[in-house]
Amino acid sequence: MKTDSHLASALEPSQLTAATSLALPRRELGRGLVALLVALRVYIVLAVLVVIYAFVHALLTPSS
């Protein structure tokens, strides 16, 4: 459901609440997009692990 701000402003508050409370169906994603999202999750996990390692390494390394 595409909303137009002019049309939405013409609705009464109860109508606007009813229109915006409808749940939208899940979007069907293609295999390429799913693969991209999985790769992004893996990248984020690896980046977090590198940051944690660098933080712990900096704490344990004596500074001169």
N, C-alpha and C. Protein backbone atom coordinates (compact mmCIF):
# COMPACT_ATOMS: atom_id res chain seq x y z
N MET A 1 0.84 -1.17 0.00
CA MET A 1 0.00 0.00 0.00
C MET A 1 0.89 1.23 0.00
N LYS A 2 0.81 1.98 -1.06
CA LYS A 2 1.60 3.20 -1.18
C LYS A 2 0.80 4.35 -0.60
N THR A 3 1.39 5.10 0.30
CA THR A 3 0.65 6.19 0.92
C THR A 3 1.04 7.50 0.28
N ASP A 4 0.08 8.34 0.10
CA ASP A 4 0.28 9.70 -0.38
C ASP A 4 -0.01 10.63 0.79
N SER A 5 0.90 11.55 1.07
CA SER A 5 0.74 12.40 2.25
C SER A 5 -0.52 13.26 2.14
N HIS A 6 -0.86 13.68 0.94
CA HIS A 6 -2.08 14.49 0.78
C HIS A 6 -3.33 13.66 1.06
N LEU A 7 -3.36 12.43 0.57
CA LEU A 7 -4.50 11.57 0.82
C LEU A 7 -4.56 11.15 2.28
N ALA A 8 -3.41 10.90 2.88
CA ALA A 8 -3.39 10.49 4.29
C ALA A 8 -3.85 11.62 5.19
N SER A 9 -3.56 12.84 4.82
CA SER A 9 -3.99 13.96 5.66
C SER A 9 -5.49 14.18 5.57
N ALA A 10 -6.14 13.67 4.52
CA ALA A 10 -7.58 13.83 4.37
C ALA A 10 -8.36 12.82 5.21
N LEU A 11 -7.69 11.78 5.70
CA LEU A 11 -8.37 10.76 6.49
C LEU A 11 -8.62 11.26 7.91
N GLU A 12 -9.66 10.74 8.50
CA GLU A 12 -9.90 11.00 9.91
C GLU A 12 -8.88 10.19 10.72
N PRO A 13 -8.60 10.60 11.97
CA PRO A 13 -7.58 9.89 12.76
C PRO A 13 -7.86 8.39 12.90
N SER A 14 -9.11 8.01 13.10
CA SER A 14 -9.40 6.58 13.25
C SER A 14 -9.19 5.83 11.93
N GLN A 15 -9.48 6.49 10.81
CA GLN A 15 -9.24 5.87 9.51
C GLN A 15 -7.75 5.72 9.25
N LEU A 16 -6.98 6.73 9.61
CA LEU A 16 -5.54 6.68 9.42
C LEU A 16 -4.92 5.59 10.27
N THR A 17 -5.38 5.47 11.51
CA THR A 17 -4.88 4.42 12.40
C THR A 17 -5.21 3.05 11.84
N ALA A 18 -6.42 2.88 11.34
CA ALA A 18 -6.82 1.59 10.78
C ALA A 18 -6.02 1.27 9.52
N ALA A 19 -5.75 2.27 8.70
CA ALA A 19 -5.02 2.04 7.46
C ALA A 19 -3.55 1.72 7.71
N THR A 20 -2.97 2.34 8.73
CA THR A 20 -1.55 2.11 9.00
C THR A 20 -1.30 0.89 9.89
N SER A 21 -2.35 0.35 10.50
CA SER A 21 -2.14 -0.81 11.36
C SER A 21 -2.22 -2.13 10.60
N LEU A 22 -2.54 -2.08 9.32
CA LEU A 22 -2.58 -3.30 8.52
C LEU A 22 -1.16 -3.80 8.28
N ALA A 23 -0.95 -5.08 8.52
CA ALA A 23 0.37 -5.66 8.31
C ALA A 23 0.58 -5.93 6.83
N LEU A 24 1.77 -5.62 6.37
CA LEU A 24 2.11 -5.90 4.98
C LEU A 24 2.70 -7.30 4.88
N PRO A 25 2.48 -7.99 3.78
CA PRO A 25 3.05 -9.34 3.64
C PRO A 25 4.56 -9.26 3.47
N ARG A 26 5.22 -10.37 3.80
CA ARG A 26 6.67 -10.42 3.62
C ARG A 26 7.01 -10.34 2.15
N ARG A 27 8.10 -9.70 1.85
CA ARG A 27 8.53 -9.58 0.47
C ARG A 27 9.27 -10.84 0.06
N GLU A 28 8.98 -11.31 -1.13
CA GLU A 28 9.69 -12.47 -1.67
C GLU A 28 11.04 -11.99 -2.21
N LEU A 29 12.11 -12.54 -1.67
CA LEU A 29 13.45 -12.15 -2.08
C LEU A 29 14.03 -13.19 -3.02
N GLY A 30 14.77 -12.73 -3.99
CA GLY A 30 15.43 -13.63 -4.93
C GLY A 30 16.66 -14.27 -4.29
N ARG A 31 17.17 -15.29 -4.97
CA ARG A 31 18.33 -16.00 -4.43
C ARG A 31 19.55 -15.10 -4.32
N GLY A 32 19.73 -14.20 -5.27
CA GLY A 32 20.88 -13.30 -5.24
C GLY A 32 20.84 -12.35 -4.06
N LEU A 33 19.66 -11.82 -3.78
CA LEU A 33 19.52 -10.90 -2.66
C LEU A 33 19.67 -11.62 -1.32
N VAL A 34 19.16 -12.84 -1.23
CA VAL A 34 19.33 -13.62 -0.01
C VAL A 34 20.81 -13.92 0.20
N ALA A 35 21.52 -14.28 -0.88
CA ALA A 35 22.95 -14.54 -0.77
C ALA A 35 23.71 -13.30 -0.34
N LEU A 36 23.30 -12.14 -0.86
CA LEU A 36 23.94 -10.89 -0.47
C LEU A 36 23.71 -10.59 1.01
N LEU A 37 22.50 -10.82 1.50
CA LEU A 37 22.21 -10.58 2.91
C LEU A 37 22.97 -11.54 3.82
N VAL A 38 23.12 -12.80 3.41
CA VAL A 38 23.90 -13.76 4.19
C VAL A 38 25.36 -13.34 4.21
N ALA A 39 25.88 -12.91 3.07
CA ALA A 39 27.28 -12.45 3.02
C ALA A 39 27.47 -11.22 3.91
N LEU A 40 26.49 -10.34 3.95
CA LEU A 40 26.58 -9.16 4.81
C LEU A 40 26.59 -9.56 6.28
N ARG A 41 25.78 -10.54 6.65
CA ARG A 41 25.78 -11.02 8.04
C ARG A 41 27.13 -11.61 8.41
N VAL A 42 27.70 -12.41 7.51
CA VAL A 42 29.02 -13.02 7.77
C VAL A 42 30.07 -11.93 7.91
N TYR A 43 30.02 -10.92 7.04
CA TYR A 43 30.98 -9.82 7.11
C TYR A 43 30.87 -9.08 8.45
N ILE A 44 29.66 -8.84 8.89
CA ILE A 44 29.46 -8.12 10.16
C ILE A 44 30.00 -8.93 11.33
N VAL A 45 29.75 -10.24 11.33
CA VAL A 45 30.26 -11.09 12.41
C VAL A 45 31.79 -11.07 12.41
N LEU A 46 32.40 -11.17 11.23
CA LEU A 46 33.87 -11.14 11.16
C LEU A 46 34.42 -9.78 11.59
N ALA A 47 33.76 -8.71 11.20
CA ALA A 47 34.23 -7.38 11.60
C ALA A 47 34.14 -7.19 13.10
N VAL A 48 33.07 -7.69 13.72
CA VAL A 48 32.93 -7.59 15.18
C VAL A 48 34.02 -8.39 15.86
N LEU A 49 34.32 -9.58 15.35
CA LEU A 49 35.38 -10.39 15.93
C LEU A 49 36.75 -9.70 15.82
N VAL A 50 37.02 -9.04 14.71
CA VAL A 50 38.29 -8.31 14.55
C VAL A 50 38.36 -7.15 15.54
N VAL A 51 37.28 -6.44 15.73
CA VAL A 51 37.27 -5.32 16.67
C VAL A 51 37.47 -5.82 18.10
N ILE A 52 36.82 -6.92 18.46
CA ILE A 52 36.99 -7.49 19.80
C ILE A 52 38.44 -7.93 20.00
N TYR A 53 39.01 -8.60 19.00
CA TYR A 53 40.40 -9.03 19.10
C TYR A 53 41.33 -7.83 19.27
N ALA A 54 41.14 -6.77 18.48
CA ALA A 54 42.00 -5.59 18.58
C ALA A 54 41.86 -4.93 19.94
N PHE A 55 40.65 -4.90 20.49
CA PHE A 55 40.43 -4.29 21.79
C PHE A 55 41.13 -5.09 22.88
N VAL A 56 40.95 -6.40 22.88
CA VAL A 56 41.59 -7.25 23.89
C VAL A 56 43.09 -7.22 23.74
N HIS A 57 43.57 -7.23 22.51
CA HIS A 57 45.02 -7.18 22.27
C HIS A 57 45.60 -5.87 22.78
N ALA A 58 44.91 -4.78 22.59
CA ALA A 58 45.39 -3.47 23.06
C ALA A 58 45.38 -3.42 24.59
N LEU A 59 44.41 -4.09 25.23
CA LEU A 59 44.39 -4.09 26.70
C LEU A 59 45.53 -4.92 27.27
N LEU A 60 45.88 -6.01 26.62
CA LEU A 60 46.88 -6.93 27.16
C LEU A 60 48.30 -6.57 26.79
N THR A 61 48.48 -5.74 25.79
CA THR A 61 49.83 -5.35 25.35
C THR A 61 50.31 -4.19 26.21
N PRO A 62 51.45 -4.36 26.87
CA PRO A 62 51.96 -3.25 27.70
C PRO A 62 52.44 -2.10 26.82
N SER A 63 52.09 -0.90 27.20
CA SER A 63 52.55 0.27 26.45
C SER A 63 53.87 0.75 27.04
N SER A 64 54.71 1.30 26.16
CA SER A 64 56.03 1.75 26.63
C SER A 64 56.15 3.23 26.70
